Amino acid sequence: MGKLKTAFNKWRQEVHNPFAEGARQREAHFTSTSGFEPPDLALPNEQELSASGQDKYLAKLGFPGEYPFTRGVNPTMYRGRLWTMRQYAGFGTAAETNARYRYLLESGQTGLSVAFDLPTQMGYDSTHPLAEGEVGRVGVPVDTLEDMRELFANIPLGEVTTSMTINAPAAILLAQYVVLAEEQGVNRRELGGTIQNDILKEYMARGTYIFPPEPSLALTVDTFRFCSREMPRWNMISVSGYHLREAGCSAAQEIAFTLADAVEYCEQAVRAGLDIDSFAGRLSFFFNAHSNLLEEVAKFRAARRMWARIVKERFKARDERSMRLRFHTQTAGSMLMAQQPLNNVVRVTLQALAAVLGGTQSLHTNSYDEALNLPTEESVTIALRTQQIIAEESGVTASTDPLAGGYLIEDITDRLEVEAAKYLRIIDEMGGMKAAIEKGYPQAEIHQKAYEWQQDVEAKRRLLVGHNCYQESDNAGEAEQDKKIPAASPLSSLRSALEAAEQRQRARLEEYLAHRPAYVPRFTEAELERRLDALTRACESHDSISERIIDCVRAGATEGEMVEAMVRVWGRHQESRA
């Protein structure tokens, strides 16, 4: 018996079998249409590999659920449990968003994903002058615990996992969620979910920051400390390459800049006194699923392998759980075309398939009409059904890492790793990702790659069906296609609806502020001020900030009031225009 077979038998006995016995196994038949069941883990023919070839295979691919995790983060992958199916939603008011969440859960969705409006993302209450015209537009406004209560009304937080796409004020929204869960009788230690909490990418690609980088990183580290102690099932950050890819970076850059961000967070946390194994196991990642199917599959595999080595070799982690790169995926919003929009169903299917073949832990599929209007219930259902069809009908969940060993897949995986490693070396030489961002390095690289992509599209070196090729020769085809698209509200009606929702939210907050003692009868205004002052002092010392935020939430503070208490010490970040 050779090395590969010996290692496989050891893995089967020591890693796979104990996990499979303890895991909740899916009630699924994996028999093919031809009547045979594929192996749960495909291996190369040992006789066709030399001893050195077997060593190379074990070092680079290995087996799922063990270092370097190229083939997946757990031994059974989707044979044991499918990925979490999420649909990102948030619009209008908390009540309207709650109705959409309950519809999605009833349709078979297994996790919630919250989109917040821009004022909430940037720490402004809905009544702030700078919030005017933006309340409820790109997500749901959450000013107070009352809004959080309405957002999750009749949704048991102990039975769902919730992902919250919030960054600069992530600690505040997490605190509101924790307090709400405790009101439902759910201990914070039992809560499952994720806060994005990835502030570095805001300086690179999105711009929804509040504080300068240094205190922002201190706040991120504070949430690491709090979650590692108090919320063992909660992912304290989702390091996001998704937005970088949407801004125009390549697959290799997405790997490199995402991992460089994660390295910076880990460096900051370790310098603050946290042990790598106390928090690294609850880091999660967020990647884009773009349209080049095989490159995207390889991207996820390369990222897993690189992160495992970074955590083991650079940070000297001892616990293998710290080395697992667990990630959520969203299909590429930037690839949704307004022209011939039903084609987007196909695009999303290919992108979702890439995420599944690449081993994602959770997945959001975009609705095909998002380039035109807010997704309808019909389009959202099609997006969810896309995941369910892949899971139940395609056969790709029968085996772990089904494309492993393919000559092309392994070649692309290796190439992406080499290219991403070059970027990581450059960033290290600059002093880390924070320093690189301050020098404008990743921003410039992303801008350049986005420019090159657009040039290729305009020159038709890169073809996008319905956009720069296979276009309708006249309006007849588009008119026929339009009949199949759920009618969007006329622009004027949509604008009126959004304005009415904003007015309702502002009136709701004004009512709350005018009668706050009725909402939080156990707390006086004087006690609220005392707790806000305590939050300010915590920001000065960088000590127990998350606990002080929870105290403020309980006393009825609005998000904007808590942010202003922090701004007293840290100020607001102003982007340099030099």
Protein backbone atom coordinates (compact mmCIF):
# COMPACT_ATOMS: atom_id res chain seq x y z
CA MET A 1 0.00 0.00 0.00
CA GLY A 2 1.40 3.39 -1.04
CA LYS A 3 1.56 6.69 0.80
CA LEU A 4 -1.65 8.03 -0.74
CA LYS A 5 -3.75 4.99 0.17
CA THR A 6 -2.28 4.87 3.67
CA ALA A 7 -3.00 8.56 4.22
CA PHE A 8 -6.50 8.14 2.82
CA ASN A 9 -7.31 5.26 5.16
CA LYS A 10 -6.02 7.24 8.12
CA TRP A 11 -8.12 10.26 7.08
CA ARG A 12 -11.20 8.07 6.63
CA GLN A 13 -10.82 6.53 10.07
CA GLU A 14 -9.62 9.52 12.11
CA VAL A 15 -11.16 12.54 10.38
CA HIS A 16 -14.07 11.55 8.16
CA ASN A 17 -15.84 8.85 10.15
CA PRO A 18 -16.02 10.68 13.51
CA PHE A 19 -17.27 13.80 11.74
CA ALA A 20 -19.80 11.90 9.62
CA GLU A 21 -21.19 10.11 12.67
CA GLY A 22 -21.62 13.38 14.56
CA ALA A 23 -22.84 15.42 11.62
CA ARG A 24 -26.45 15.70 10.61
CA GLN A 25 -26.51 13.66 7.41
CA ARG A 26 -28.74 14.72 4.55
CA GLU A 27 -31.56 12.45 3.54
CA ALA A 28 -30.54 12.38 -0.09
CA HIS A 29 -29.99 9.75 -2.72
CA PHE A 30 -26.78 10.32 -4.62
CA THR A 31 -27.35 7.63 -7.26
CA SER A 32 -26.79 8.89 -10.80
CA THR A 33 -29.33 8.54 -13.60
CA SER A 34 -27.24 5.62 -14.85
CA GLY A 35 -27.70 3.78 -11.57
CA PHE A 36 -24.36 4.12 -9.81
CA GLU A 37 -23.30 6.21 -6.83
CA PRO A 38 -20.14 8.27 -7.36
CA PRO A 39 -17.47 8.09 -4.67
CA ASP A 40 -17.87 10.65 -1.92
CA LEU A 41 -14.20 11.52 -2.41
CA ALA A 42 -12.51 10.91 -5.75
CA LEU A 43 -8.78 10.12 -5.70
CA PRO A 44 -6.15 9.67 -8.40
CA ASN A 45 -4.99 6.19 -9.30
CA GLU A 46 -2.14 5.62 -6.87
CA GLN A 47 -0.30 3.39 -9.34
CA GLU A 48 -0.08 6.29 -11.79
CA LEU A 49 1.67 8.55 -9.27
CA SER A 50 5.31 8.28 -8.27
CA ALA A 51 6.26 8.52 -4.61
CA SER A 52 7.17 12.18 -5.07
CA GLY A 53 3.90 12.74 -6.95
CA GLN A 54 1.97 11.31 -4.03
CA ASP A 55 3.88 13.58 -1.63
CA LYS A 56 3.02 16.58 -3.80
CA TYR A 57 -0.63 15.56 -3.96
CA LEU A 58 -0.88 15.22 -0.17
CA ALA A 59 0.87 18.56 0.43
CA LYS A 60 -1.17 20.60 -2.06
CA LEU A 61 -4.57 18.88 -2.08
CA GLY A 62 -4.78 16.45 0.80
CA PHE A 63 -8.26 15.51 1.99
CA PRO A 64 -11.30 17.60 2.86
CA GLY A 65 -11.54 18.75 6.44
CA GLU A 66 -7.81 18.74 7.08
CA TYR A 67 -4.86 21.01 6.36
CA PRO A 68 -4.38 22.69 3.88
CA PHE A 69 -8.17 22.49 3.23
CA THR A 70 -7.81 22.84 -0.54
CA ARG A 71 -10.60 20.30 -0.95
CA GLY A 72 -12.99 21.77 1.60
CA VAL A 73 -13.30 22.82 5.22
CA ASN A 74 -15.11 19.73 6.46
CA PRO A 75 -14.83 16.03 5.58
CA THR A 76 -18.32 15.48 4.13
CA MET A 77 -19.11 18.89 2.64
CA TYR A 78 -22.57 18.89 0.99
CA ARG A 79 -23.20 15.17 1.47
CA GLY A 80 -23.55 15.96 5.15
CA ARG A 81 -25.12 19.39 4.97
CA LEU A 82 -25.90 21.84 2.20
CA TRP A 83 -24.61 25.38 2.18
CA THR A 84 -26.79 28.03 3.84
CA MET A 85 -29.08 29.61 1.26
CA ARG A 86 -29.43 33.34 1.82
CA GLN A 87 -31.11 36.19 -0.03
CA TYR A 88 -29.83 39.69 0.73
CA ALA A 89 -32.79 41.95 1.51
CA GLY A 90 -33.57 45.27 3.13
CA PHE A 91 -35.66 48.18 1.87
CA GLY A 92 -38.31 50.70 2.85
CA THR A 93 -39.00 50.19 6.54
CA ALA A 94 -38.28 47.47 9.07
CA ALA A 95 -41.86 46.22 8.78
CA GLU A 96 -41.64 45.90 4.97
CA THR A 97 -38.31 44.11 5.20
CA ASN A 98 -39.66 41.76 7.87
CA ALA A 99 -42.45 40.76 5.49
CA ARG A 100 -39.87 39.88 2.81
CA TYR A 101 -37.81 37.85 5.32
CA ARG A 102 -40.81 35.79 6.37
CA TYR A 103 -41.70 35.19 2.72
CA LEU A 104 -38.16 33.96 1.99
CA LEU A 105 -38.09 31.68 5.04
CA GLU A 106 -41.44 30.19 4.01
CA SER A 107 -39.97 29.63 0.51
CA GLY A 108 -37.14 27.49 1.88
CA GLN A 109 -34.39 30.01 2.60
CA THR A 110 -32.22 28.87 5.51
CA GLY A 111 -30.55 32.10 6.62
CA LEU A 112 -31.24 35.83 6.64
CA SER A 113 -29.01 38.51 5.15
CA VAL A 114 -29.67 42.12 6.10
CA ALA A 115 -29.02 45.11 3.86
CA PHE A 116 -28.91 48.42 5.73
CA ASP A 117 -29.53 51.84 4.21
CA LEU A 118 -26.70 54.34 3.76
CA PRO A 119 -27.51 56.51 6.80
CA THR A 120 -27.38 53.43 9.03
CA GLN A 121 -24.12 52.31 7.39
CA MET A 122 -22.56 55.73 8.06
CA GLY A 123 -23.84 56.25 11.59
CA TYR A 124 -26.56 58.84 10.97
CA ASP A 125 -30.06 58.65 12.40
CA SER A 126 -32.90 58.92 9.89
CA THR A 127 -33.70 62.44 11.12
CA HIS A 128 -30.19 63.75 10.45
CA PRO A 129 -30.01 66.35 7.63
CA LEU A 130 -27.41 64.26 5.77
CA ALA A 131 -29.81 61.30 5.75
CA GLU A 132 -32.43 63.13 3.72
CA GLY A 133 -33.28 61.30 0.52
CA GLU A 134 -31.39 58.15 1.50
CA VAL A 135 -33.53 56.63 4.25
CA GLY A 136 -34.65 53.13 3.26
CA ARG A 137 -33.26 53.45 -0.29
CA VAL A 138 -30.56 50.76 -0.52
CA GLY A 139 -31.44 48.88 2.63
CA VAL A 140 -33.44 49.03 5.81
CA PRO A 141 -33.03 51.89 8.32
CA VAL A 142 -32.27 50.78 11.89
CA ASP A 143 -32.06 53.73 14.27
CA THR A 144 -33.09 52.10 17.54
CA LEU A 145 -33.77 48.80 19.25
CA GLU A 146 -37.43 49.39 18.32
CA ASP A 147 -36.49 49.11 14.64
CA MET A 148 -34.54 45.92 15.32
CA ARG A 149 -37.58 44.49 17.11
CA GLU A 150 -39.79 45.24 14.11
CA LEU A 151 -37.21 43.92 11.65
CA PHE A 152 -37.19 40.48 13.31
CA ALA A 153 -40.79 40.34 14.53
CA ASN A 154 -42.05 36.72 14.66
CA ILE A 155 -38.61 35.42 13.63
CA PRO A 156 -37.00 33.28 16.38
CA LEU A 157 -33.36 34.36 16.48
CA GLY A 158 -32.33 31.11 18.11
CA GLU A 159 -33.45 29.14 15.04
CA VAL A 160 -31.99 31.18 12.15
CA THR A 161 -28.56 32.49 11.31
CA THR A 162 -28.35 36.15 10.38
CA SER A 163 -25.73 37.90 8.27
CA MET A 164 -25.57 41.67 8.66
CA THR A 165 -23.81 43.67 5.97
CA ILE A 166 -22.62 46.48 8.21
CA ASN A 167 -19.11 47.72 8.75
CA ALA A 168 -18.24 51.01 10.47
CA PRO A 169 -21.06 50.74 13.06
CA ALA A 170 -21.04 46.92 13.15
CA ALA A 171 -20.57 46.84 16.93
CA ILE A 172 -23.75 48.90 17.38
CA LEU A 173 -25.96 46.71 15.18
CA LEU A 174 -24.53 43.59 16.83
CA ALA A 175 -25.36 45.04 20.25
CA GLN A 176 -28.96 45.70 19.19
CA TYR A 177 -29.24 42.13 17.90
CA VAL A 178 -27.84 40.73 21.15
CA VAL A 179 -30.27 42.72 23.28
CA LEU A 180 -33.20 41.72 21.07
CA ALA A 181 -32.21 38.04 21.28
CA GLU A 182 -32.07 38.24 25.06
CA GLU A 183 -35.58 39.73 25.02
CA GLN A 184 -36.64 36.62 23.08
CA GLY A 185 -35.00 34.45 25.72
CA VAL A 186 -32.04 33.47 23.55
CA ASN A 187 -28.63 33.55 25.21
CA ARG A 188 -25.99 35.42 23.21
CA ARG A 189 -23.80 32.32 23.34
CA GLU A 190 -26.39 30.47 21.23
CA LEU A 191 -26.66 33.07 18.46
CA GLY A 192 -25.38 32.12 15.03
CA GLY A 193 -24.57 34.56 12.27
CA THR A 194 -22.09 37.09 10.95
CA ILE A 195 -21.36 40.79 11.03
CA GLN A 196 -19.36 41.99 8.06
CA ASN A 197 -17.29 44.37 10.21
CA ASP A 198 -14.65 44.73 7.46
CA ILE A 199 -13.63 48.37 7.61
CA LEU A 200 -10.46 48.20 5.50
CA LYS A 201 -12.32 47.50 2.27
CA GLU A 202 -14.43 50.61 2.92
CA TYR A 203 -11.32 52.77 2.47
CA MET A 204 -10.50 50.82 -0.70
CA ALA A 205 -13.77 50.39 -2.53
CA ARG A 206 -17.00 51.54 -0.87
CA GLY A 207 -16.47 54.65 1.26
CA THR A 208 -19.01 53.96 4.04
CA TYR A 209 -16.53 54.60 6.83
CA ILE A 210 -17.12 56.75 9.92
CA PHE A 211 -13.91 56.89 11.93
CA PRO A 212 -10.27 57.12 10.79
CA PRO A 213 -8.46 53.81 10.14
CA GLU A 214 -6.60 53.55 13.46
CA PRO A 215 -9.61 53.74 15.81
CA SER A 216 -11.71 51.78 13.32
CA LEU A 217 -9.26 48.90 13.61
CA ALA A 218 -9.33 49.24 17.41
CA LEU A 219 -13.12 48.91 17.32
CA THR A 220 -12.84 45.85 15.08
CA VAL A 221 -10.40 44.24 17.51
CA ASP A 222 -12.77 45.02 20.38
CA THR A 223 -15.54 43.09 18.64
CA PHE A 224 -13.07 40.21 18.16
CA ARG A 225 -12.42 40.16 21.89
CA PHE A 226 -16.12 40.43 22.78
CA CYS A 227 -17.28 37.73 20.37
CA SER A 228 -14.47 35.31 21.24
CA ARG A 229 -15.53 35.51 24.89
CA GLU A 230 -19.28 35.96 24.68
CA MET A 231 -20.51 34.66 21.30
CA PRO A 232 -18.67 31.45 20.36
CA ARG A 233 -21.04 30.63 17.46
CA TRP A 234 -20.89 34.10 15.91
CA ASN A 235 -18.60 35.09 13.03
CA MET A 236 -17.05 38.33 14.24
CA ILE A 237 -16.01 39.50 10.78
CA SER A 238 -16.62 38.67 7.15
CA VAL A 239 -13.50 39.78 5.32
CA SER A 240 -14.89 40.91 2.02
CA GLY A 241 -13.36 40.47 -1.39
CA TYR A 242 -16.81 40.79 -2.95
CA HIS A 243 -16.85 44.58 -3.04
CA LEU A 244 -13.28 44.72 -4.34
CA ARG A 245 -14.28 42.47 -7.24
CA GLU A 246 -17.37 44.60 -7.88
CA ALA A 247 -15.04 47.61 -8.05
CA GLY A 248 -13.12 45.89 -10.83
CA CYS A 249 -10.26 43.79 -9.47
CA SER A 250 -9.19 40.45 -10.94
CA ALA A 251 -9.62 37.02 -9.36
CA ALA A 252 -5.99 36.97 -8.19
CA GLN A 253 -6.33 40.47 -6.72
CA GLU A 254 -9.54 39.44 -4.97
CA ILE A 255 -7.66 36.63 -3.23
CA ALA A 256 -4.64 38.77 -2.39
CA PHE A 257 -6.37 41.90 -1.11
CA THR A 258 -8.91 39.90 0.90
CA LEU A 259 -6.24 37.80 2.58
CA ALA A 260 -4.08 40.89 3.15
CA ASP A 261 -7.00 42.54 4.94
CA ALA A 262 -7.43 39.43 7.09
CA VAL A 263 -3.72 39.41 7.90
CA GLU A 264 -3.95 43.05 9.05
CA TYR A 265 -6.90 42.27 11.34
CA CYS A 266 -5.06 39.29 12.82
CA GLU A 267 -1.87 41.32 13.33
CA GLN A 268 -3.85 44.04 15.11
CA ALA A 269 -5.65 41.52 17.33
CA VAL A 270 -2.46 39.67 18.26
CA ARG A 271 -0.74 42.97 19.10
CA ALA A 272 -3.70 43.78 21.35
CA GLY A 273 -3.01 40.60 23.31
CA LEU A 274 -5.43 38.11 21.73
CA ASP A 275 -4.22 34.59 21.04
CA ILE A 276 -4.67 33.65 17.39
CA ASP A 277 -6.53 30.46 18.32
CA SER A 278 -8.99 32.42 20.48
CA PHE A 279 -10.53 34.17 17.47
CA ALA A 280 -9.27 32.92 14.10
CA GLY A 281 -11.74 30.04 14.04
CA ARG A 282 -14.62 32.56 13.93
CA LEU A 283 -13.27 34.65 11.08
CA SER A 284 -15.27 34.29 7.90
CA PHE A 285 -14.79 35.55 4.36
CA PHE A 286 -17.03 36.92 1.63
CA PHE A 287 -16.19 36.34 -2.02
CA ASN A 288 -17.65 37.22 -5.39
CA ALA A 289 -18.73 34.53 -7.84
CA HIS A 290 -17.87 35.94 -11.25
CA SER A 291 -18.68 34.46 -14.64
CA ASN A 292 -15.51 32.55 -15.60
CA LEU A 293 -16.64 29.23 -14.14
CA LEU A 294 -13.35 27.34 -13.90
CA GLU A 295 -11.28 30.31 -12.74
CA GLU A 296 -13.80 31.01 -9.99
CA VAL A 297 -13.74 27.40 -8.76
CA ALA A 298 -9.94 27.55 -8.70
CA LYS A 299 -10.03 30.91 -6.91
CA PHE A 300 -11.91 29.51 -3.94
CA ARG A 301 -9.59 26.50 -3.70
CA ALA A 302 -6.44 28.66 -3.91
CA ALA A 303 -7.75 31.07 -1.27
CA ARG A 304 -8.44 28.21 1.13
CA ARG A 305 -4.98 26.76 0.72
CA MET A 306 -3.21 30.11 1.05
CA TRP A 307 -5.12 31.12 4.18
CA ALA A 308 -4.40 27.79 5.88
CA ARG A 309 -0.68 28.26 5.31
CA ILE A 310 -0.71 31.90 6.41
CA VAL A 311 -2.42 31.13 9.71
CA LYS A 312 -0.22 28.12 10.42
CA GLU A 313 3.15 29.48 9.31
CA ARG A 314 2.85 33.22 9.93
CA PHE A 315 0.65 33.28 13.03
CA LYS A 316 1.77 29.90 14.45
CA ALA A 317 -1.79 28.72 15.11
CA ARG A 318 -2.03 25.34 16.76
CA ASP A 319 -5.73 24.64 16.30
CA GLU A 320 -6.58 23.48 12.77
CA ARG A 321 -9.99 25.15 13.09
CA SER A 322 -8.14 28.47 13.01
CA MET A 323 -6.76 27.60 9.58
CA ARG A 324 -10.10 26.92 7.87
CA LEU A 325 -11.22 29.57 5.39
CA ARG A 326 -15.02 29.54 5.66
CA PHE A 327 -16.75 31.84 3.23
CA HIS A 328 -20.04 33.25 1.99
CA THR A 329 -20.45 33.89 -1.72
CA GLN A 330 -22.64 36.26 -3.68
CA THR A 331 -23.07 36.16 -7.41
CA ALA A 332 -21.66 39.15 -9.29
CA GLY A 333 -23.95 42.16 -9.25
CA SER A 334 -21.68 43.96 -11.69
CA MET A 335 -22.35 41.26 -14.28
CA LEU A 336 -26.13 41.75 -14.29
CA MET A 337 -27.09 43.33 -17.61
CA ALA A 338 -30.04 45.63 -18.24
CA GLN A 339 -30.07 44.46 -21.86
CA GLN A 340 -31.95 41.16 -22.33
CA PRO A 341 -32.29 40.80 -18.56
CA LEU A 342 -33.62 37.24 -18.60
CA ASN A 343 -30.09 36.22 -19.66
CA ASN A 344 -29.11 37.09 -16.09
CA VAL A 345 -30.84 33.91 -14.90
CA VAL A 346 -28.21 31.93 -16.80
CA ARG A 347 -25.36 34.12 -15.57
CA VAL A 348 -26.43 33.72 -11.96
CA THR A 349 -26.76 29.95 -12.39
CA LEU A 350 -23.19 29.63 -13.69
CA GLN A 351 -21.85 31.85 -10.93
CA ALA A 352 -23.76 29.95 -8.25
CA LEU A 353 -22.47 26.66 -9.66
CA ALA A 354 -18.91 27.98 -9.42
CA ALA A 355 -19.45 28.82 -5.74
CA VAL A 356 -20.82 25.35 -5.02
CA LEU A 357 -18.07 23.55 -6.93
CA GLY A 358 -15.61 25.77 -5.05
CA GLY A 359 -16.98 24.72 -1.65
CA THR A 360 -18.84 27.77 -0.31
CA GLN A 361 -20.48 27.63 3.13
CA SER A 362 -23.32 30.00 2.24
CA LEU A 363 -24.60 31.58 -0.94
CA HIS A 364 -26.69 34.49 -2.13
CA THR A 365 -27.95 34.45 -5.70
CA ASN A 366 -28.85 37.78 -7.28
CA SER A 367 -32.24 38.33 -8.87
CA TYR A 368 -32.21 38.73 -12.64
CA ASP A 369 -34.08 42.05 -12.62
CA GLU A 370 -31.75 43.94 -10.25
CA ALA A 371 -30.25 45.96 -13.10
CA LEU A 372 -33.72 47.40 -13.70
CA ASN A 373 -35.52 47.73 -10.37
CA LEU A 374 -35.93 46.36 -6.87
CA PRO A 375 -36.29 42.56 -7.11
CA THR A 376 -39.84 41.29 -7.20
CA GLU A 377 -41.03 38.31 -5.17
CA GLU A 378 -41.06 36.28 -8.39
CA SER A 379 -37.46 37.11 -9.32
CA VAL A 380 -36.24 36.52 -5.76
CA THR A 381 -37.95 33.13 -5.77
CA ILE A 382 -36.26 32.20 -9.06
CA ALA A 383 -32.91 33.18 -7.53
CA LEU A 384 -33.54 30.95 -4.52
CA ARG A 385 -34.84 28.10 -6.70
CA THR A 386 -31.58 28.31 -8.67
CA GLN A 387 -29.69 27.25 -5.56
CA GLN A 388 -32.20 24.54 -4.75
CA ILE A 389 -32.01 23.07 -8.26
CA ILE A 390 -28.21 22.97 -8.09
CA ALA A 391 -28.46 21.27 -4.69
CA GLU A 392 -31.09 18.70 -5.53
CA GLU A 393 -30.90 18.05 -9.29
CA SER A 394 -27.39 18.68 -10.61
CA GLY A 395 -25.56 15.84 -8.87
CA VAL A 396 -22.61 18.05 -7.91
CA THR A 397 -23.29 17.66 -4.18
CA ALA A 398 -22.72 13.91 -4.27
CA SER A 399 -18.93 14.22 -4.06
CA THR A 400 -16.57 16.43 -2.14
CA ASP A 401 -14.61 18.82 -4.39
CA PRO A 402 -15.74 17.05 -7.59
CA LEU A 403 -13.33 18.91 -9.90
CA ALA A 404 -10.19 18.19 -7.86
CA GLY A 405 -7.37 16.63 -9.84
CA GLY A 406 -8.50 18.03 -13.16
CA TYR A 407 -5.39 19.18 -15.00
CA LEU A 408 -6.86 22.55 -15.89
CA ILE A 409 -8.39 23.20 -12.45
CA GLU A 410 -5.14 22.43 -10.65
CA ASP A 411 -3.14 24.53 -13.12
CA ILE A 412 -5.41 27.58 -12.65
CA THR A 413 -5.39 27.08 -8.87
CA ASP A 414 -1.59 27.11 -8.82
CA ARG A 415 -1.37 30.13 -11.14
CA LEU A 416 -3.79 32.15 -9.01
CA GLU A 417 -1.84 31.28 -5.88
CA VAL A 418 1.43 32.44 -7.43
CA GLU A 419 -0.10 35.70 -8.67
CA ALA A 420 -1.86 36.44 -5.37
CA ALA A 421 1.35 35.71 -3.44
CA LYS A 422 3.14 38.44 -5.44
CA TYR A 423 0.61 41.03 -4.26
CA LEU A 424 0.89 39.82 -0.67
CA ARG A 425 4.68 40.24 -0.76
CA ILE A 426 4.34 43.81 -2.06
CA ILE A 427 1.83 44.67 0.66
CA ASP A 428 4.07 43.17 3.35
CA GLU A 429 6.99 45.25 2.07
CA MET A 430 4.81 48.36 2.42
CA GLY A 431 4.17 47.55 6.08
CA GLY A 432 0.83 45.76 5.84
CA MET A 433 -2.56 46.49 4.36
CA LYS A 434 -3.31 49.56 6.47
CA ALA A 435 -0.09 51.19 5.27
CA ALA A 436 -0.73 50.05 1.68
CA ILE A 437 -4.21 51.62 1.72
CA GLU A 438 -2.81 54.87 3.10
CA LYS A 439 -0.37 54.88 0.17
CA GLY A 440 -3.20 54.19 -2.27
CA TYR A 441 -1.67 50.98 -3.60
CA PRO A 442 -4.64 48.56 -3.71
CA GLN A 443 -6.98 51.34 -4.84
CA ALA A 444 -4.74 52.11 -7.82
CA GLU A 445 -4.41 48.42 -8.73
CA ILE A 446 -8.18 47.95 -8.65
CA HIS A 447 -8.79 51.08 -10.72
CA GLN A 448 -6.28 49.95 -13.34
CA LYS A 449 -7.79 46.49 -13.64
CA ALA A 450 -11.31 47.96 -13.89
CA TYR A 451 -10.13 50.28 -16.67
CA GLU A 452 -8.56 47.37 -18.57
CA TRP A 453 -11.78 45.35 -18.25
CA GLN A 454 -13.88 48.19 -19.64
CA GLN A 455 -11.45 48.71 -22.51
CA ASP A 456 -11.73 45.01 -23.36
CA VAL A 457 -15.53 45.17 -23.29
CA GLU A 458 -15.67 48.23 -25.52
CA ALA A 459 -13.19 46.68 -27.97
CA LYS A 460 -15.18 43.41 -27.89
CA ARG A 461 -12.15 41.48 -26.74
CA ARG A 462 -14.45 40.38 -23.89
CA LEU A 463 -17.95 39.46 -25.00
CA LEU A 464 -21.08 40.01 -22.91
CA VAL A 465 -24.14 38.46 -24.51
CA GLY A 466 -26.86 40.96 -25.26
CA HIS A 467 -24.59 43.84 -24.25
CA ASN A 468 -21.82 43.98 -26.87
CA CYS A 469 -22.70 40.91 -28.92
CA TYR A 470 -25.83 38.94 -29.90
CA GLN A 471 -27.82 42.12 -29.54
CA GLU A 472 -31.39 42.34 -30.75
CA SER A 473 -31.46 43.74 -34.30
CA ASP A 474 -34.58 45.78 -33.57
CA ASN A 475 -36.86 46.62 -30.70
CA ALA A 476 -39.23 43.73 -31.37
CA GLY A 477 -37.14 41.20 -29.49
CA GLU A 478 -36.69 43.46 -26.51
CA ALA A 479 -40.38 44.27 -26.44
CA GLU A 480 -41.19 40.57 -26.47
CA GLN A 481 -38.68 39.99 -23.67
CA ASP A 482 -40.15 42.81 -21.63
CA LYS A 483 -43.49 41.01 -21.55
CA LYS A 484 -41.87 38.23 -19.56
CA ILE A 485 -40.44 40.55 -16.93
CA PRO A 486 -42.55 41.30 -13.84
CA ALA A 487 -43.72 44.87 -14.26
CA ALA A 488 -41.69 47.30 -12.18
CA SER A 489 -43.43 50.26 -10.62
CA PRO A 490 -43.29 53.37 -12.77
CA LEU A 491 -40.42 55.55 -11.67
CA SER A 492 -42.71 58.24 -10.30
CA SER A 493 -44.70 55.72 -8.25
CA LEU A 494 -41.53 54.11 -6.95
CA ARG A 495 -40.14 57.50 -5.95
CA SER A 496 -43.38 58.33 -4.15
CA ALA A 497 -43.33 55.01 -2.31
CA LEU A 498 -39.73 55.55 -1.17
CA GLU A 499 -40.44 59.09 -0.06
CA ALA A 500 -43.46 57.89 1.91
CA ALA A 501 -41.37 55.17 3.57
CA GLU A 502 -38.73 57.74 4.52
CA GLN A 503 -41.37 60.03 6.01
CA ARG A 504 -42.77 57.14 8.05
CA GLN A 505 -39.32 56.27 9.38
CA ARG A 506 -38.50 59.86 10.29
CA ALA A 507 -41.87 60.26 12.01
CA ARG A 508 -41.30 56.99 13.84
CA LEU A 509 -37.94 58.17 15.17
CA GLU A 510 -39.28 61.59 16.12
CA GLU A 511 -42.09 59.91 18.05
CA TYR A 512 -39.57 57.66 19.77
CA LEU A 513 -37.33 60.55 20.81
CA ALA A 514 -40.28 62.63 22.06
CA HIS A 515 -41.55 59.79 24.25
CA ARG A 516 -38.41 57.75 24.93
CA PRO A 517 -39.26 57.09 28.62
CA ALA A 518 -42.35 55.19 27.48
CA TYR A 519 -40.18 52.88 25.35
CA VAL A 520 -37.48 52.33 28.00
CA PRO A 521 -39.31 52.95 31.29
CA ARG A 522 -36.50 51.54 33.42
CA PHE A 523 -34.04 54.21 32.26
CA THR A 524 -34.00 57.98 32.71
CA GLU A 525 -32.49 60.50 30.29
CA ALA A 526 -29.81 61.12 32.93
CA GLU A 527 -28.91 57.43 32.96
CA LEU A 528 -28.75 57.41 29.18
CA GLU A 529 -26.32 60.35 29.23
CA ARG A 530 -24.23 58.59 31.85
CA ARG A 531 -23.97 55.52 29.66
CA LEU A 532 -23.10 57.54 26.57
CA ASP A 533 -20.32 59.25 28.57
CA ALA A 534 -19.07 55.81 29.63
CA LEU A 535 -18.95 54.83 25.96
CA THR A 536 -16.85 57.91 25.19
CA ARG A 537 -14.40 56.99 27.97
CA ALA A 538 -14.21 53.42 26.67
CA CYS A 539 -13.20 54.80 23.26
CA GLU A 540 -10.43 56.81 24.92
CA SER A 541 -8.99 53.70 26.56
CA HIS A 542 -9.97 51.18 23.84
CA ASP A 543 -11.38 49.03 26.61
CA SER A 544 -14.72 47.13 26.73
CA ILE A 545 -16.30 49.25 23.97
CA SER A 546 -18.79 46.55 22.94
CA GLU A 547 -20.07 46.17 26.51
CA ARG A 548 -20.60 49.92 26.82
CA ILE A 549 -22.50 49.95 23.52
CA ILE A 550 -24.82 47.22 24.80
CA ASP A 551 -25.41 49.33 27.92
CA CYS A 552 -26.41 52.28 25.72
CA VAL A 553 -28.75 50.15 23.60
CA ARG A 554 -30.53 48.92 26.71
CA ALA A 555 -30.99 52.52 27.86
CA GLY A 556 -32.63 53.47 24.56
CA ALA A 557 -29.82 55.23 22.68
CA THR A 558 -30.15 55.74 18.96
CA GLU A 559 -27.41 54.66 16.61
CA GLY A 560 -26.57 58.28 15.84
CA GLU A 561 -26.25 59.14 19.55
CA MET A 562 -23.83 56.27 20.11
CA VAL A 563 -21.77 57.20 17.05
CA GLU A 564 -21.56 60.82 18.21
CA ALA A 565 -20.34 59.63 21.63
CA MET A 566 -17.52 57.85 19.80
CA VAL A 567 -16.86 60.72 17.40
CA ARG A 568 -16.07 62.93 20.43
CA VAL A 569 -12.84 60.94 20.78
CA TRP A 570 -12.12 59.61 17.32
CA GLY A 571 -13.58 62.21 14.95
CA ARG A 572 -14.90 61.43 11.47
CA HIS A 573 -12.59 60.31 8.70
CA GLN A 574 -12.10 62.66 5.78
CA GLU A 575 -10.76 61.11 2.60
CA SER A 576 -7.64 62.80 1.28
CA ARG A 577 -8.18 64.37 -2.15
CA ALA A 578 -4.50 65.01 -2.78
